[in-house]
Amino acid sequence: MALPKYKTSRANTHSRRANWKATAAQTVTCANCGAPTLPHMACPSCGSFRGRTYRSAIQPAHTK
């Protein structure tokens, strides 16, 4: 296995790693409640997707 002959400088290392960026997930608004949701997924707040309700919305126990 080949080994590098010289140490890679910090500038070269940082400039190479500068292209590794995370991108934010694209969201769409729910047609039922208007909350932001991931596309092709059921809404986490109301549980609807394409006009159908797949689960009832879960309310936290500590709210009254």
N, C-alpha and C. Protein backbone atom coordinates (compact mmCIF):
# COMPACT_ATOMS: atom_id res chain seq x y z
N MET A 1 0.84 -1.17 0.00
CA MET A 1 0.00 0.00 0.00
C MET A 1 0.89 1.24 0.00
N ALA A 2 0.55 2.19 -0.85
CA ALA A 2 1.38 3.39 -0.98
C ALA A 2 1.15 4.33 0.19
N LEU A 3 2.19 5.02 0.59
CA LEU A 3 2.12 6.00 1.65
C LEU A 3 2.49 7.36 1.08
N PRO A 4 1.91 8.45 1.64
CA PRO A 4 2.28 9.77 1.14
C PRO A 4 3.72 10.10 1.50
N LYS A 5 4.42 10.74 0.57
CA LYS A 5 5.82 11.07 0.80
C LYS A 5 5.97 12.29 1.68
N TYR A 6 5.00 13.25 1.57
CA TYR A 6 5.08 14.48 2.34
C TYR A 6 3.77 14.71 3.10
N LYS A 7 3.87 15.50 4.15
CA LYS A 7 2.68 15.85 4.93
C LYS A 7 1.81 16.82 4.12
N THR A 8 0.50 16.59 4.13
CA THR A 8 -0.43 17.50 3.46
C THR A 8 -0.65 18.72 4.35
N SER A 9 -0.50 19.90 3.77
CA SER A 9 -0.62 21.12 4.55
C SER A 9 -2.05 21.33 5.02
N ARG A 10 -2.22 22.19 6.03
CA ARG A 10 -3.55 22.49 6.55
C ARG A 10 -4.39 23.20 5.51
N ALA A 11 -3.76 24.07 4.72
CA ALA A 11 -4.52 24.80 3.69
C ALA A 11 -5.08 23.83 2.65
N ASN A 12 -4.28 22.87 2.22
CA ASN A 12 -4.76 21.90 1.25
C ASN A 12 -5.85 21.02 1.85
N THR A 13 -5.69 20.63 3.10
CA THR A 13 -6.68 19.79 3.77
C THR A 13 -7.99 20.55 3.93
N HIS A 14 -7.92 21.80 4.38
CA HIS A 14 -9.13 22.58 4.60
C HIS A 14 -9.82 22.92 3.28
N SER A 15 -9.05 23.21 2.25
CA SER A 15 -9.68 23.53 0.97
C SER A 15 -10.33 22.29 0.36
N ARG A 16 -9.78 21.13 0.60
CA ARG A 16 -10.38 19.90 0.10
C ARG A 16 -11.67 19.59 0.87
N ARG A 17 -11.67 19.80 2.18
CA ARG A 17 -12.84 19.51 3.00
C ARG A 17 -13.90 20.60 2.93
N ALA A 18 -13.59 21.74 2.33
CA ALA A 18 -14.55 22.84 2.27
C ALA A 18 -15.75 22.49 1.40
N ASN A 19 -15.61 21.51 0.51
CA ASN A 19 -16.71 21.13 -0.38
C ASN A 19 -17.67 20.15 0.26
N TRP A 20 -17.36 19.62 1.43
CA TRP A 20 -18.23 18.67 2.12
C TRP A 20 -19.21 19.45 2.99
N LYS A 21 -20.33 19.84 2.42
CA LYS A 21 -21.31 20.64 3.14
C LYS A 21 -22.62 19.86 3.26
N ALA A 22 -23.30 20.06 4.36
CA ALA A 22 -24.61 19.47 4.55
C ALA A 22 -25.67 20.41 3.98
N THR A 23 -26.69 19.85 3.38
CA THR A 23 -27.78 20.66 2.85
C THR A 23 -29.04 20.41 3.69
N ALA A 24 -29.83 21.44 3.86
CA ALA A 24 -31.07 21.33 4.62
C ALA A 24 -32.10 20.53 3.82
N ALA A 25 -32.92 19.78 4.53
CA ALA A 25 -33.95 18.98 3.88
C ALA A 25 -35.04 19.89 3.33
N GLN A 26 -35.51 19.61 2.12
CA GLN A 26 -36.57 20.38 1.51
C GLN A 26 -37.90 20.00 2.16
N THR A 27 -38.71 20.99 2.48
CA THR A 27 -40.01 20.73 3.11
C THR A 27 -41.12 21.31 2.25
N VAL A 28 -42.29 20.74 2.41
CA VAL A 28 -43.50 21.24 1.76
C VAL A 28 -44.52 21.50 2.85
N THR A 29 -45.55 22.30 2.56
CA THR A 29 -46.58 22.56 3.55
C THR A 29 -47.67 21.51 3.44
N CYS A 30 -48.18 21.10 4.58
CA CYS A 30 -49.25 20.11 4.64
C CYS A 30 -50.53 20.75 4.12
N ALA A 31 -51.26 20.04 3.26
CA ALA A 31 -52.50 20.57 2.71
C ALA A 31 -53.60 20.60 3.75
N ASN A 32 -53.49 19.77 4.79
CA ASN A 32 -54.54 19.69 5.81
C ASN A 32 -54.36 20.73 6.90
N CYS A 33 -53.13 20.84 7.46
CA CYS A 33 -52.93 21.73 8.61
C CYS A 33 -51.95 22.86 8.33
N GLY A 34 -51.18 22.80 7.25
CA GLY A 34 -50.25 23.87 6.91
C GLY A 34 -48.90 23.77 7.57
N ALA A 35 -48.63 22.70 8.29
CA ALA A 35 -47.33 22.53 8.95
C ALA A 35 -46.29 22.09 7.94
N PRO A 36 -45.01 22.43 8.14
CA PRO A 36 -43.98 21.96 7.22
C PRO A 36 -43.73 20.46 7.40
N THR A 37 -43.71 19.74 6.29
CA THR A 37 -43.49 18.29 6.32
C THR A 37 -42.48 17.91 5.24
N LEU A 38 -41.93 16.73 5.36
CA LEU A 38 -41.06 16.19 4.31
C LEU A 38 -41.92 15.71 3.16
N PRO A 39 -41.45 15.86 1.92
CA PRO A 39 -42.26 15.38 0.80
C PRO A 39 -42.36 13.86 0.78
N HIS A 40 -43.50 13.35 0.33
CA HIS A 40 -43.80 11.92 0.22
C HIS A 40 -43.85 11.24 1.59
N MET A 41 -44.12 12.00 2.65
CA MET A 41 -44.22 11.44 4.00
C MET A 41 -45.50 11.97 4.63
N ALA A 42 -46.04 11.23 5.59
CA ALA A 42 -47.22 11.69 6.32
C ALA A 42 -46.83 12.86 7.22
N CYS A 43 -47.75 13.76 7.45
CA CYS A 43 -47.50 14.95 8.26
C CYS A 43 -47.28 14.54 9.71
N PRO A 44 -46.22 15.00 10.37
CA PRO A 44 -46.00 14.60 11.75
C PRO A 44 -46.98 15.24 12.73
N SER A 45 -47.63 16.34 12.36
CA SER A 45 -48.53 16.98 13.31
C SER A 45 -49.97 16.47 13.20
N CYS A 46 -50.45 16.23 11.98
CA CYS A 46 -51.84 15.77 11.85
C CYS A 46 -51.94 14.33 11.32
N GLY A 47 -50.88 13.79 10.75
CA GLY A 47 -50.89 12.40 10.29
C GLY A 47 -51.55 12.18 8.94
N SER A 48 -51.78 13.22 8.18
CA SER A 48 -52.45 13.04 6.89
C SER A 48 -51.44 13.06 5.75
N PHE A 49 -51.80 12.35 4.67
CA PHE A 49 -50.98 12.32 3.46
C PHE A 49 -51.90 12.05 2.29
N ARG A 50 -51.91 12.94 1.32
CA ARG A 50 -52.75 12.85 0.13
C ARG A 50 -54.23 12.66 0.47
N GLY A 51 -54.71 13.42 1.45
CA GLY A 51 -56.12 13.40 1.79
C GLY A 51 -56.55 12.28 2.72
N ARG A 52 -55.67 11.39 3.10
CA ARG A 52 -56.00 10.30 4.01
C ARG A 52 -55.32 10.53 5.35
N THR A 53 -55.95 10.09 6.42
CA THR A 53 -55.35 10.18 7.75
C THR A 53 -54.79 8.81 8.09
N TYR A 54 -53.49 8.75 8.31
CA TYR A 54 -52.83 7.48 8.56
C TYR A 54 -52.62 7.20 10.04
N ARG A 55 -52.62 8.24 10.87
CA ARG A 55 -52.56 8.04 12.30
C ARG A 55 -53.12 9.28 12.96
N SER A 56 -53.63 9.12 14.16
CA SER A 56 -54.16 10.29 14.85
C SER A 56 -53.00 11.09 15.41
N ALA A 57 -53.17 12.38 15.52
CA ALA A 57 -52.11 13.24 16.04
C ALA A 57 -51.87 12.93 17.51
N ILE A 58 -50.60 12.82 17.88
CA ILE A 58 -50.23 12.50 19.25
C ILE A 58 -50.05 13.81 20.01
N GLN A 59 -50.82 13.99 21.05
CA GLN A 59 -50.72 15.18 21.88
C GLN A 59 -49.83 14.87 23.08
N PRO A 60 -48.94 15.80 23.48
CA PRO A 60 -48.13 15.56 24.66
C PRO A 60 -48.98 15.43 25.91
N ALA A 61 -48.56 14.59 26.84
CA ALA A 61 -49.35 14.31 28.04
C ALA A 61 -49.33 15.47 29.02
N HIS A 62 -48.27 16.31 28.99
CA HIS A 62 -48.16 17.36 29.99
C HIS A 62 -48.97 18.60 29.65
N THR A 63 -49.54 18.72 28.45
CA THR A 63 -50.37 19.89 28.12
C THR A 63 -51.81 19.61 28.48
N LYS A 64 -52.51 20.64 28.89
CA LYS A 64 -53.92 20.47 29.28
C LYS A 64 -54.83 21.26 28.40
